[in-house]
């Protein structure tokens, strides 16, 4: 018996055992259990990938992008751990290159054709596409915003590594707008477009797209955090403070401690409703605090054109199926589909 078979059977027993212990399996757990039982979570390098069921797509420019995009934080170990000190180290240890490749293949089997990734890990996507003979698209954040020469060099490097689309890293864009340097975002868009790529703006703060729209910078798309706040560790509404991500983490449970990424979901939805640009929503699960059934539904029903979701291999099948089910049920939205 192979190690992968041993592992599959172990995980299957763990998932099914939860039901035996009295826990009811939800839709995604049932899907995962079935996949583990019949072996569909295993992959083969030589086998061509065909999605078990197509994932709905939208277009940004000429590119057809799956409505669910894989998030890259977990493969890089950039984990929002709140007060758990070992999370990033654990994620890096688990996500070996082989495991990353397996996870990407699982995504493609579910019709996910795009990943968002940090520039430090674009070379992994490049290698995956080369070794596995794939064409997985990548949306990569540019981190050298405000440093013209370094930014131009980074953009060229990412293009050489096969990046499909580029956008300003959320924290970098936040910092520029917070500091009154909106011209740095205009420069970033220009530098990306000089190289022939679509250029987007990322952010945690809603103040960024507000400023970008006001100044008429005209990005090709937005990458903006979006999640509900009905989870235990969310900062109480009366204690939420703009730019909290850059003011240091407090030991006061009622204030920010790596626990909130969209300070006002209603205000975000209302503003983005007026924005005629594709919107990729990320942190839709508040970094693992919200159940996918609620996080995905909230994002799609309230205006997101795409959701970017960080996933381990054992999440992929269930999350993808859940997204497909939700997208089939959505009939009308306040915000029209912009992609």
C-alpha atoms as a PDB file:
ATOM      1  CA  UNK A   1       0.000   0.000   0.000  1.00  0.00           C
ATOM      2  CA  UNK A   2       1.386   3.415  -1.002  1.00  0.00           C
ATOM      3  CA  UNK A   3       1.988   6.248   1.426  1.00  0.00           C
ATOM      4  CA  UNK A   4      -0.542   8.383  -0.448  1.00  0.00           C
ATOM      5  CA  UNK A   5      -3.168   5.667  -0.089  1.00  0.00           C
ATOM      6  CA  UNK A   6      -2.385   5.345   3.615  1.00  0.00           C
ATOM      7  CA  UNK A   7      -2.767   9.088   3.999  1.00  0.00           C
ATOM      8  CA  UNK A   8      -6.035   9.173   2.066  1.00  0.00           C
ATOM      9  CA  UNK A   9      -7.526   6.414   4.184  1.00  0.00           C
ATOM     10  CA  UNK A  10      -6.393   8.124   7.373  1.00  0.00           C
ATOM     11  CA  UNK A  11      -7.985  11.430   6.358  1.00  0.00           C
ATOM     12  CA  UNK A  12     -11.128   9.653   5.204  1.00  0.00           C
ATOM     13  CA  UNK A  13     -11.495   7.904   8.563  1.00  0.00           C
ATOM     14  CA  UNK A  14     -10.952  11.223  10.313  1.00  0.00           C
ATOM     15  CA  UNK A  15     -13.651  12.982   8.295  1.00  0.00           C
ATOM     16  CA  UNK A  16     -16.160  10.154   8.476  1.00  0.00           C
ATOM     17  CA  UNK A  17     -15.346   9.508  12.114  1.00  0.00           C
ATOM     18  CA  UNK A  18     -16.527  12.994  12.962  1.00  0.00           C
ATOM     19  CA  UNK A  19     -20.006  12.026  11.824  1.00  0.00           C
ATOM     20  CA  UNK A  20     -19.847   8.834  13.866  1.00  0.00           C
ATOM     21  CA  UNK A  21     -18.990  10.915  16.907  1.00  0.00           C
ATOM     22  CA  UNK A  22     -22.204  12.878  16.467  1.00  0.00           C
ATOM     23  CA  UNK A  23     -21.050  15.782  14.291  1.00  0.00           C
ATOM     24  CA  UNK A  24     -23.210  16.365  11.207  1.00  0.00           C
ATOM     25  CA  UNK A  25     -21.289  16.592   7.968  1.00  0.00           C
ATOM     26  CA  UNK A  26     -22.038  19.659   5.905  1.00  0.00           C
ATOM     27  CA  UNK A  27     -22.054  19.746   2.107  1.00  0.00           C
ATOM     28  CA  UNK A  28     -18.331  20.464   1.824  1.00  0.00           C
ATOM     29  CA  UNK A  29     -17.378  17.775   4.347  1.00  0.00           C
ATOM     30  CA  UNK A  30     -19.499  15.249   2.428  1.00  0.00           C
ATOM     31  CA  UNK A  31     -17.732  16.185  -0.801  1.00  0.00           C
ATOM     32  CA  UNK A  32     -14.332  15.875   0.846  1.00  0.00           C
ATOM     33  CA  UNK A  33     -15.226  12.515   2.375  1.00  0.00           C
ATOM     34  CA  UNK A  34     -16.397  11.184  -0.989  1.00  0.00           C
ATOM     35  CA  UNK A  35     -13.250  12.422  -2.703  1.00  0.00           C
ATOM     36  CA  UNK A  36     -11.056  10.784  -0.103  1.00  0.00           C
ATOM     37  CA  UNK A  37     -12.970   7.512  -0.352  1.00  0.00           C
ATOM     38  CA  UNK A  38     -12.743   7.202  -4.143  1.00  0.00           C
ATOM     39  CA  UNK A  39      -9.219   8.596  -4.439  1.00  0.00           C
ATOM     40  CA  UNK A  40     -10.044  11.640  -6.560  1.00  0.00           C
ATOM     41  CA  UNK A  41      -7.771  13.803  -4.416  1.00  0.00           C
ATOM     42  CA  UNK A  42      -4.725  12.067  -5.870  1.00  0.00           C
ATOM     43  CA  UNK A  43      -3.046  13.360  -9.017  1.00  0.00           C
ATOM     44  CA  UNK A  44      -0.861  12.108 -11.804  1.00  0.00           C
ATOM     45  CA  UNK A  45       1.776  14.143 -13.567  1.00  0.00           C
ATOM     46  CA  UNK A  46       1.112  12.570 -16.958  1.00  0.00           C
ATOM     47  CA  UNK A  47      -2.672  12.707 -16.791  1.00  0.00           C
ATOM     48  CA  UNK A  48      -4.295  15.658 -18.612  1.00  0.00           C
ATOM     49  CA  UNK A  49      -6.470  17.746 -16.352  1.00  0.00           C
ATOM     50  CA  UNK A  50     -10.146  18.109 -17.128  1.00  0.00           C
ATOM     51  CA  UNK A  51     -12.372  19.768 -14.575  1.00  0.00           C
ATOM     52  CA  UNK A  52     -14.830  17.392 -12.929  1.00  0.00           C
ATOM     53  CA  UNK A  53     -17.324  20.229 -13.343  1.00  0.00           C
ATOM     54  CA  UNK A  54     -16.571  23.594 -14.948  1.00  0.00           C
ATOM     55  CA  UNK A  55     -16.071  26.534 -12.619  1.00  0.00           C
ATOM     56  CA  UNK A  56     -17.966  29.640 -13.795  1.00  0.00           C
ATOM     57  CA  UNK A  57     -15.602  32.300 -15.127  1.00  0.00           C
ATOM     58  CA  UNK A  58     -15.554  36.025 -15.708  1.00  0.00           C
ATOM     59  CA  UNK A  59     -13.307  38.098 -17.939  1.00  0.00           C
ATOM     60  CA  UNK A  60     -10.761  40.705 -16.974  1.00  0.00           C
ATOM     61  CA  UNK A  61      -9.487  42.143 -20.201  1.00  0.00           C
ATOM     62  CA  UNK A  62      -8.891  39.220 -22.538  1.00  0.00           C
ATOM     63  CA  UNK A  63      -8.394  36.702 -19.746  1.00  0.00           C
ATOM     64  CA  UNK A  64     -11.050  34.265 -18.612  1.00  0.00           C
ATOM     65  CA  UNK A  65     -10.691  33.968 -14.825  1.00  0.00           C
ATOM     66  CA  UNK A  66     -12.401  31.364 -12.652  1.00  0.00           C
ATOM     67  CA  UNK A  67     -14.838  32.956 -10.203  1.00  0.00           C
ATOM     68  CA  UNK A  68     -12.899  31.213  -7.441  1.00  0.00           C
ATOM     69  CA  UNK A  69      -9.186  32.061  -7.435  1.00  0.00           C
ATOM     70  CA  UNK A  70      -6.698  30.185  -5.283  1.00  0.00           C
ATOM     71  CA  UNK A  71      -4.984  32.373  -2.694  1.00  0.00           C
ATOM     72  CA  UNK A  72      -1.230  32.060  -2.330  1.00  0.00           C
ATOM     73  CA  UNK A  73      -0.623  33.019   1.306  1.00  0.00           C
ATOM     74  CA  UNK A  74      -0.747  29.482   2.657  1.00  0.00           C
ATOM     75  CA  UNK A  75       1.877  28.149   0.252  1.00  0.00           C
ATOM     76  CA  UNK A  76       4.182  31.004   1.251  1.00  0.00           C
ATOM     77  CA  UNK A  77       3.560  30.650   4.963  1.00  0.00           C
ATOM     78  CA  UNK A  78       2.134  34.166   5.316  1.00  0.00           C
ATOM     79  CA  UNK A  79      -0.529  33.106   7.754  1.00  0.00           C
ATOM     80  CA  UNK A  80      -2.792  35.355   9.738  1.00  0.00           C
ATOM     81  CA  UNK A  81      -2.365  33.510  13.004  1.00  0.00           C
ATOM     82  CA  UNK A  82      -3.892  35.949  15.489  1.00  0.00           C
ATOM     83  CA  UNK A  83      -2.065  34.848  18.664  1.00  0.00           C
ATOM     84  CA  UNK A  84      -0.825  31.449  17.453  1.00  0.00           C
ATOM     85  CA  UNK A  85       2.928  31.735  17.120  1.00  0.00           C
ATOM     86  CA  UNK A  86       3.681  28.593  15.116  1.00  0.00           C
ATOM     87  CA  UNK A  87       1.231  28.871  12.206  1.00  0.00           C
ATOM     88  CA  UNK A  88       3.585  30.200   9.537  1.00  0.00           C
ATOM     89  CA  UNK A  89       6.242  27.632  10.397  1.00  0.00           C
ATOM     90  CA  UNK A  90       3.665  24.843  10.296  1.00  0.00           C
ATOM     91  CA  UNK A  91       2.249  25.941   6.947  1.00  0.00           C
ATOM     92  CA  UNK A  92       5.697  26.138   5.373  1.00  0.00           C
ATOM     93  CA  UNK A  93       6.564  22.677   6.675  1.00  0.00           C
ATOM     94  CA  UNK A  94       3.338  21.187   5.321  1.00  0.00           C
ATOM     95  CA  UNK A  95       3.396  22.911   1.951  1.00  0.00           C
ATOM     96  CA  UNK A  96       6.467  21.371   0.385  1.00  0.00           C
ATOM     97  CA  UNK A  97       6.900  21.912  -3.338  1.00  0.00           C
ATOM     98  CA  UNK A  98       5.328  18.494  -4.008  1.00  0.00           C
ATOM     99  CA  UNK A  99       2.340  19.388  -1.829  1.00  0.00           C
ATOM    100  CA  UNK A 100       1.980  22.770  -3.521  1.00  0.00           C
ATOM    101  CA  UNK A 101       1.953  21.089  -6.935  1.00  0.00           C
ATOM    102  CA  UNK A 102      -0.638  18.597  -5.713  1.00  0.00           C
ATOM    103  CA  UNK A 103      -2.830  21.400  -4.385  1.00  0.00           C
ATOM    104  CA  UNK A 104      -2.597  23.354  -7.641  1.00  0.00           C
ATOM    105  CA  UNK A 105      -3.583  20.270  -9.626  1.00  0.00           C
ATOM    106  CA  UNK A 106      -6.527  19.663  -7.333  1.00  0.00           C
ATOM    107  CA  UNK A 107      -7.628  23.230  -8.031  1.00  0.00           C
ATOM    108  CA  UNK A 108      -7.371  22.753 -11.766  1.00  0.00           C
ATOM    109  CA  UNK A 109      -9.413  19.565 -11.511  1.00  0.00           C
ATOM    110  CA  UNK A 110     -12.153  21.685  -9.997  1.00  0.00           C
ATOM    111  CA  UNK A 111     -11.973  24.247 -12.807  1.00  0.00           C
ATOM    112  CA  UNK A 112      -9.893  26.848 -10.932  1.00  0.00           C
ATOM    113  CA  UNK A 113      -7.595  28.339 -13.561  1.00  0.00           C
ATOM    114  CA  UNK A 114      -5.944  31.189 -11.630  1.00  0.00           C
ATOM    115  CA  UNK A 115      -3.936  31.736  -8.451  1.00  0.00           C
ATOM    116  CA  UNK A 116      -3.051  34.940  -6.633  1.00  0.00           C
ATOM    117  CA  UNK A 117       0.508  34.774  -5.376  1.00  0.00           C
ATOM    118  CA  UNK A 118       3.202  36.839  -3.701  1.00  0.00           C
ATOM    119  CA  UNK A 119       6.088  37.755  -6.017  1.00  0.00           C
ATOM    120  CA  UNK A 120       8.443  35.611  -3.932  1.00  0.00           C
ATOM    121  CA  UNK A 121       6.491  32.513  -5.028  1.00  0.00           C
ATOM    122  CA  UNK A 122       5.785  33.270  -8.691  1.00  0.00           C
ATOM    123  CA  UNK A 123       8.791  31.110  -9.570  1.00  0.00           C
ATOM    124  CA  UNK A 124       6.938  28.144  -8.037  1.00  0.00           C
ATOM    125  CA  UNK A 125       3.988  28.730 -10.372  1.00  0.00           C
ATOM    126  CA  UNK A 126       6.408  29.086 -13.262  1.00  0.00           C
ATOM    127  CA  UNK A 127       8.001  25.750 -12.374  1.00  0.00           C
ATOM    128  CA  UNK A 128       4.624  24.053 -11.929  1.00  0.00           C
ATOM    129  CA  UNK A 129       3.498  25.167 -15.379  1.00  0.00           C
ATOM    130  CA  UNK A 130       6.761  24.010 -16.933  1.00  0.00           C
ATOM    131  CA  UNK A 131       7.101  20.659 -15.169  1.00  0.00           C
ATOM    132  CA  UNK A 132       3.409  19.725 -15.330  1.00  0.00           C
ATOM    133  CA  UNK A 133       2.889  21.318 -18.755  1.00  0.00           C
ATOM    134  CA  UNK A 134       0.052  23.492 -17.463  1.00  0.00           C
ATOM    135  CA  UNK A 135      -1.154  27.023 -18.129  1.00  0.00           C
ATOM    136  CA  UNK A 136      -2.259  28.068 -14.649  1.00  0.00           C
ATOM    137  CA  UNK A 137      -2.727  31.830 -14.667  1.00  0.00           C
ATOM    138  CA  UNK A 138      -1.266  33.968 -11.905  1.00  0.00           C
ATOM    139  CA  UNK A 139      -2.260  37.343 -10.509  1.00  0.00           C
ATOM    140  CA  UNK A 140       0.780  38.698  -8.679  1.00  0.00           C
ATOM    141  CA  UNK A 141       1.106  41.631  -6.289  1.00  0.00           C
ATOM    142  CA  UNK A 142       3.858  44.186  -6.827  1.00  0.00           C
ATOM    143  CA  UNK A 143       5.565  45.079  -3.555  1.00  0.00           C
ATOM    144  CA  UNK A 144       7.975  47.831  -4.610  1.00  0.00           C
ATOM    145  CA  UNK A 145       5.346  50.557  -4.882  1.00  0.00           C
ATOM    146  CA  UNK A 146       6.841  54.049  -4.636  1.00  0.00           C
ATOM    147  CA  UNK A 147      10.329  52.863  -5.633  1.00  0.00           C
ATOM    148  CA  UNK A 148      10.338  53.421  -9.373  1.00  0.00           C
ATOM    149  CA  UNK A 149      13.507  51.624 -10.450  1.00  0.00           C
ATOM    150  CA  UNK A 150      13.048  48.690  -8.073  1.00  0.00           C
ATOM    151  CA  UNK A 151       9.410  48.428  -9.081  1.00  0.00           C
ATOM    152  CA  UNK A 152      10.240  48.389 -12.790  1.00  0.00           C
ATOM    153  CA  UNK A 153      12.815  45.648 -12.189  1.00  0.00           C
ATOM    154  CA  UNK A 154      10.336  43.590 -10.170  1.00  0.00           C
ATOM    155  CA  UNK A 155       7.670  43.925 -12.851  1.00  0.00           C
ATOM    156  CA  UNK A 156      10.058  42.749 -15.557  1.00  0.00           C
ATOM    157  CA  UNK A 157      11.186  39.810 -13.417  1.00  0.00           C
ATOM    158  CA  UNK A 158       7.604  38.721 -12.776  1.00  0.00           C
ATOM    159  CA  UNK A 159       6.796  38.930 -16.477  1.00  0.00           C
ATOM    160  CA  UNK A 160       9.851  36.790 -17.232  1.00  0.00           C
ATOM    161  CA  UNK A 161       8.497  34.270 -14.691  1.00  0.00           C
ATOM    162  CA  UNK A 162       5.160  34.102 -16.482  1.00  0.00           C
ATOM    163  CA  UNK A 163       2.880  36.360 -14.416  1.00  0.00           C
ATOM    164  CA  UNK A 164      -0.480  36.902 -16.117  1.00  0.00           C
ATOM    165  CA  UNK A 165      -1.637  40.084 -14.366  1.00  0.00           C
ATOM    166  CA  UNK A 166      -0.123  42.410 -11.761  1.00  0.00           C
ATOM    167  CA  UNK A 167      -1.536  44.667  -9.061  1.00  0.00           C
ATOM    168  CA  UNK A 168      -0.298  46.791  -6.191  1.00  0.00           C
ATOM    169  CA  UNK A 169       0.151  44.844  -2.945  1.00  0.00           C
ATOM    170  CA  UNK A 170      -2.647  45.742  -0.514  1.00  0.00           C
ATOM    171  CA  UNK A 171      -0.409  46.895   2.319  1.00  0.00           C
ATOM    172  CA  UNK A 172       1.743  48.929  -0.064  1.00  0.00           C
ATOM    173  CA  UNK A 173      -1.261  50.669  -1.602  1.00  0.00           C
ATOM    174  CA  UNK A 174      -2.716  51.331   1.847  1.00  0.00           C
ATOM    175  CA  UNK A 175       0.513  52.910   3.027  1.00  0.00           C
ATOM    176  CA  UNK A 176       0.718  55.178  -0.006  1.00  0.00           C
ATOM    177  CA  UNK A 177      -2.837  56.476   0.361  1.00  0.00           C
ATOM    178  CA  UNK A 178      -2.483  56.778   4.142  1.00  0.00           C
ATOM    179  CA  UNK A 179       0.598  58.938   3.535  1.00  0.00           C
ATOM    180  CA  UNK A 180      -1.093  61.103   0.905  1.00  0.00           C
ATOM    181  CA  UNK A 181       0.979  59.691  -1.960  1.00  0.00           C
ATOM    182  CA  UNK A 182      -1.736  58.711  -4.439  1.00  0.00           C
ATOM    183  CA  UNK A 183       0.692  59.526  -7.274  1.00  0.00           C
ATOM    184  CA  UNK A 184       2.672  56.403  -6.331  1.00  0.00           C
ATOM    185  CA  UNK A 185      -0.307  54.259  -7.327  1.00  0.00           C
ATOM    186  CA  UNK A 186      -0.640  56.109 -10.621  1.00  0.00           C
ATOM    187  CA  UNK A 187       3.045  55.427 -11.264  1.00  0.00           C
ATOM    188  CA  UNK A 188       2.605  51.727 -10.437  1.00  0.00           C
ATOM    189  CA  UNK A 189      -0.261  51.378 -12.913  1.00  0.00           C
ATOM    190  CA  UNK A 190       1.796  53.108 -15.605  1.00  0.00           C
ATOM    191  CA  UNK A 191       4.849  50.891 -15.017  1.00  0.00           C
ATOM    192  CA  UNK A 192       2.782  47.707 -15.220  1.00  0.00           C
ATOM    193  CA  UNK A 193       1.008  48.852 -18.386  1.00  0.00           C
ATOM    194  CA  UNK A 194       4.297  49.850 -19.998  1.00  0.00           C
ATOM    195  CA  UNK A 195       5.076  46.124 -20.037  1.00  0.00           C
ATOM    196  CA  UNK A 196       1.740  45.244 -21.628  1.00  0.00           C
ATOM    197  CA  UNK A 197      -0.003  43.722 -18.599  1.00  0.00           C
ATOM    198  CA  UNK A 198      -3.328  44.494 -16.976  1.00  0.00           C
ATOM    199  CA  UNK A 199      -2.833  46.592 -13.849  1.00  0.00           C
ATOM    200  CA  UNK A 200      -4.890  46.426 -10.679  1.00  0.00           C
ATOM    201  CA  UNK A 201      -5.064  48.085  -7.272  1.00  0.00           C
ATOM    202  CA  UNK A 202      -5.078  46.009  -4.078  1.00  0.00           C
ATOM    203  CA  UNK A 203      -6.031  47.197  -0.607  1.00  0.00           C
ATOM    204  CA  UNK A 204      -7.328  46.386   2.845  1.00  0.00           C
ATOM    205  CA  UNK A 205      -8.696  49.865   3.453  1.00  0.00           C
ATOM    206  CA  UNK A 206     -11.716  51.131   1.545  1.00  0.00           C
ATOM    207  CA  UNK A 207      -9.986  54.520   1.511  1.00  0.00           C
ATOM    208  CA  UNK A 208      -7.775  53.227  -1.300  1.00  0.00           C
ATOM    209  CA  UNK A 209     -10.432  52.558  -3.967  1.00  0.00           C
ATOM    210  CA  UNK A 210     -12.223  55.717  -2.829  1.00  0.00           C
ATOM    211  CA  UNK A 211      -9.071  57.769  -3.495  1.00  0.00           C
ATOM    212  CA  UNK A 212      -8.268  55.933  -6.732  1.00  0.00           C
ATOM    213  CA  UNK A 213     -11.767  56.543  -8.114  1.00  0.00           C
ATOM    214  CA  UNK A 214     -11.714  60.168  -6.999  1.00  0.00           C
ATOM    215  CA  UNK A 215      -8.406  60.774  -8.790  1.00  0.00           C
ATOM    216  CA  UNK A 216      -9.521  58.893 -11.900  1.00  0.00           C
ATOM    217  CA  UNK A 217      -6.544  56.509 -11.969  1.00  0.00           C
ATOM    218  CA  UNK A 218      -8.604  53.953 -13.901  1.00  0.00           C
ATOM    219  CA  UNK A 219      -7.130  50.570 -12.858  1.00  0.00           C
ATOM    220  CA  UNK A 220      -8.192  47.502 -14.789  1.00  0.00           C
ATOM    221  CA  UNK A 221      -9.488  45.808 -11.646  1.00  0.00           C
ATOM    222  CA  UNK A 222      -9.528  45.971  -7.850  1.00  0.00           C
ATOM    223  CA  UNK A 223      -8.359  43.436  -5.263  1.00  0.00           C
ATOM    224  CA  UNK A 224     -10.132  44.411  -2.021  1.00  0.00           C
ATOM    225  CA  UNK A 225     -10.762  42.616   1.273  1.00  0.00           C
ATOM    226  CA  UNK A 226     -14.399  41.764   1.976  1.00  0.00           C
ATOM    227  CA  UNK A 227     -15.886  39.771   4.817  1.00  0.00           C
ATOM    228  CA  UNK A 228     -18.710  39.778   7.336  1.00  0.00           C
ATOM    229  CA  UNK A 229     -17.978  40.493  10.993  1.00  0.00           C
ATOM    230  CA  UNK A 230     -20.085  37.956  12.896  1.00  0.00           C
ATOM    231  CA  UNK A 231     -17.204  35.865  14.184  1.00  0.00           C
ATOM    232  CA  UNK A 232     -15.871  35.720  17.723  1.00  0.00           C
ATOM    233  CA  UNK A 233     -12.530  37.464  17.330  1.00  0.00           C
ATOM    234  CA  UNK A 234     -13.797  40.392  15.233  1.00  0.00           C
ATOM    235  CA  UNK A 235     -12.969  43.797  16.703  1.00  0.00           C
ATOM    236  CA  UNK A 236     -16.117  45.316  18.236  1.00  0.00           C
ATOM    237  CA  UNK A 237     -17.580  47.907  15.902  1.00  0.00           C
ATOM    238  CA  UNK A 238     -17.059  50.801  18.301  1.00  0.00           C
ATOM    239  CA  UNK A 239     -13.319  50.031  18.524  1.00  0.00           C
ATOM    240  CA  UNK A 240     -12.573  49.705  14.794  1.00  0.00           C
ATOM    241  CA  UNK A 241     -10.041  52.213  13.565  1.00  0.00           C
ATOM    242  CA  UNK A 242      -8.995  53.034  10.018  1.00  0.00           C
ATOM    243  CA  UNK A 243      -5.445  51.951   9.184  1.00  0.00           C
ATOM    244  CA  UNK A 244      -5.394  49.679  12.264  1.00  0.00           C
ATOM    245  CA  UNK A 245      -3.208  47.200  10.368  1.00  0.00           C
ATOM    246  CA  UNK A 246      -0.272  49.606  10.519  1.00  0.00           C
ATOM    247  CA  UNK A 247      -0.537  50.852  14.096  1.00  0.00           C
ATOM    248  CA  UNK A 248       0.731  47.742  15.849  1.00  0.00           C
ATOM    249  CA  UNK A 249      -1.196  44.912  17.459  1.00  0.00           C
ATOM    250  CA  UNK A 250      -2.732  45.528  20.828  1.00  0.00           C
ATOM    251  CA  UNK A 251      -3.001  43.140  23.759  1.00  0.00           C
ATOM    252  CA  UNK A 252      -6.509  44.489  24.358  1.00  0.00           C
ATOM    253  CA  UNK A 253      -8.980  41.898  23.080  1.00  0.00           C
ATOM    254  CA  UNK A 254     -11.359  44.646  21.971  1.00  0.00           C
ATOM    255  CA  UNK A 255      -8.888  46.173  19.506  1.00  0.00           C
ATOM    256  CA  UNK A 256      -6.990  44.994  16.452  1.00  0.00           C
ATOM    257  CA  UNK A 257      -4.864  41.888  16.802  1.00  0.00           C
ATOM    258  CA  UNK A 258      -4.438  40.373  13.304  1.00  0.00           C
ATOM    259  CA  UNK A 259      -8.129  39.576  13.399  1.00  0.00           C
ATOM    260  CA  UNK A 260      -9.989  41.852  10.989  1.00  0.00           C
ATOM    261  CA  UNK A 261      -9.379  42.776   7.380  1.00  0.00           C
ATOM    262  CA  UNK A 262     -12.583  44.513   6.238  1.00  0.00           C
ATOM    263  CA  UNK A 263     -13.726  47.106   8.740  1.00  0.00           C
ATOM    264  CA  UNK A 264     -17.158  47.800   7.230  1.00  0.00           C
ATOM    265  CA  UNK A 265     -18.574  45.271   4.784  1.00  0.00           C
ATOM    266  CA  UNK A 266     -21.783  47.236   4.166  1.00  0.00           C
ATOM    267  CA  UNK A 267     -19.893  50.409   3.317  1.00  0.00           C
ATOM    268  CA  UNK A 268     -17.547  48.444   1.069  1.00  0.00           C
ATOM    269  CA  UNK A 269     -20.427  46.812  -0.812  1.00  0.00           C
ATOM    270  CA  UNK A 270     -22.210  50.155  -1.201  1.00  0.00           C
ATOM    271  CA  UNK A 271     -19.131  51.875  -2.610  1.00  0.00           C
ATOM    272  CA  UNK A 272     -18.099  49.036  -4.919  1.00  0.00           C
ATOM    273  CA  UNK A 273     -21.642  48.914  -6.299  1.00  0.00           C
ATOM    274  CA  UNK A 274     -20.857  52.215  -8.025  1.00  0.00           C
ATOM    275  CA  UNK A 275     -17.472  51.070  -9.360  1.00  0.00           C
ATOM    276  CA  UNK A 276     -17.527  49.823 -12.935  1.00  0.00           C
ATOM    277  CA  UNK A 277     -14.433  47.636 -12.607  1.00  0.00           C
ATOM    278  CA  UNK A 278     -13.953  43.915 -11.891  1.00  0.00           C
ATOM    279  CA  UNK A 279     -13.547  43.221  -8.186  1.00  0.00           C
ATOM    280  CA  UNK A 280     -11.555  40.340  -6.734  1.00  0.00           C
ATOM    281  CA  UNK A 281     -12.560  39.973  -3.074  1.00  0.00           C
ATOM    282  CA  UNK A 282      -9.991  38.441  -0.749  1.00  0.00           C
ATOM    283  CA  UNK A 283      -9.938  37.552   2.947  1.00  0.00           C
ATOM    284  CA  UNK A 284     -13.583  36.531   2.435  1.00  0.00           C
ATOM    285  CA  UNK A 285     -13.240  34.061   5.327  1.00  0.00           C
ATOM    286  CA  UNK A 286     -11.430  36.561   7.575  1.00  0.00           C
ATOM    287  CA  UNK A 287      -8.357  34.315   7.426  1.00  0.00           C
ATOM    288  CA  UNK A 288     -10.199  31.176   8.455  1.00  0.00           C
ATOM    289  CA  UNK A 289     -12.620  32.602  11.040  1.00  0.00           C
ATOM    290  CA  UNK A 290     -15.757  32.353   8.871  1.00  0.00           C
ATOM    291  CA  UNK A 291     -17.303  29.175   7.482  1.00  0.00           C
ATOM    292  CA  UNK A 292     -17.007  29.062   3.664  1.00  0.00           C
ATOM    293  CA  UNK A 293     -20.769  28.596   3.302  1.00  0.00           C
ATOM    294  CA  UNK A 294     -21.310  32.063   4.775  1.00  0.00           C
ATOM    295  CA  UNK A 295     -18.167  33.798   3.537  1.00  0.00           C
ATOM    296  CA  UNK A 296     -18.544  32.779  -0.098  1.00  0.00           C
ATOM    297  CA  UNK A 297     -22.254  33.534  -0.182  1.00  0.00           C
ATOM    298  CA  UNK A 298     -21.776  36.966   1.366  1.00  0.00           C
ATOM    299  CA  UNK A 299     -19.043  37.921  -1.095  1.00  0.00           C
ATOM    300  CA  UNK A 300     -20.830  36.822  -4.258  1.00  0.00           C
ATOM    301  CA  UNK A 301     -24.279  38.102  -3.279  1.00  0.00           C
ATOM    302  CA  UNK A 302     -22.916  41.487  -2.242  1.00  0.00           C
ATOM    303  CA  UNK A 303     -20.959  42.368  -5.325  1.00  0.00           C
ATOM    304  CA  UNK A 304     -17.662  40.491  -5.644  1.00  0.00           C
ATOM    305  CA  UNK A 305     -16.950  39.266  -9.162  1.00  0.00           C
ATOM    306  CA  UNK A 306     -14.324  36.805  -7.938  1.00  0.00           C
ATOM    307  CA  UNK A 307     -13.285  35.385  -4.584  1.00  0.00           C
ATOM    308  CA  UNK A 308      -9.664  34.677  -3.731  1.00  0.00           C
ATOM    309  CA  UNK A 309      -9.425  31.861  -1.190  1.00  0.00           C
ATOM    310  CA  UNK A 310      -6.354  30.400   0.489  1.00  0.00           C
ATOM    311  CA  UNK A 311      -6.725  26.618   0.661  1.00  0.00           C
ATOM    312  CA  UNK A 312      -4.854  23.556   1.762  1.00  0.00           C
ATOM    313  CA  UNK A 313      -5.177  20.491  -0.441  1.00  0.00           C
ATOM    314  CA  UNK A 314      -7.947  19.011   1.712  1.00  0.00           C
ATOM    315  CA  UNK A 315     -10.065  22.171   1.308  1.00  0.00           C
ATOM    316  CA  UNK A 316     -10.040  22.414  -2.472  1.00  0.00           C
ATOM    317  CA  UNK A 317     -12.738  19.975  -3.621  1.00  0.00           C
ATOM    318  CA  UNK A 318     -15.269  21.008  -0.978  1.00  0.00           C
ATOM    319  CA  UNK A 319     -14.696  24.746  -1.376  1.00  0.00           C
ATOM    320  CA  UNK A 320     -14.832  24.604  -5.163  1.00  0.00           C
ATOM    321  CA  UNK A 321     -18.065  22.613  -5.158  1.00  0.00           C
ATOM    322  CA  UNK A 322     -19.596  24.996  -2.649  1.00  0.00           C
ATOM    323  CA  UNK A 323     -18.683  27.986  -4.857  1.00  0.00           C
ATOM    324  CA  UNK A 324     -20.227  26.306  -7.910  1.00  0.00           C
ATOM    325  CA  UNK A 325     -23.415  25.520  -5.997  1.00  0.00           C
ATOM    326  CA  UNK A 326     -23.710  29.099  -4.759  1.00  0.00           C
ATOM    327  CA  UNK A 327     -23.058  30.614  -8.181  1.00  0.00           C
ATOM    328  CA  UNK A 328     -25.811  28.462  -9.680  1.00  0.00           C
ATOM    329  CA  UNK A 329     -28.298  29.800  -7.125  1.00  0.00           C
ATOM    330  CA  UNK A 330     -27.538  33.512  -7.503  1.00  0.00           C
ATOM    331  CA  UNK A 331     -30.154  35.147  -9.699  1.00  0.00           C
ATOM    332  CA  UNK A 332     -29.890  38.863  -8.974  1.00  0.00           C
ATOM    333  CA  UNK A 333     -27.393  41.109  -7.201  1.00  0.00           C
ATOM    334  CA  UNK A 334     -27.424  44.802  -6.282  1.00  0.00           C
ATOM    335  CA  UNK A 335     -24.091  45.156  -8.050  1.00  0.00           C
ATOM    336  CA  UNK A 336     -24.121  43.860 -11.637  1.00  0.00           C
ATOM    337  CA  UNK A 337     -21.416  41.423 -12.608  1.00  0.00           C
ATOM    338  CA  UNK A 338     -18.509  43.571 -13.778  1.00  0.00           C
ATOM    339  CA  UNK A 339     -16.528  40.672 -15.225  1.00  0.00           C
END
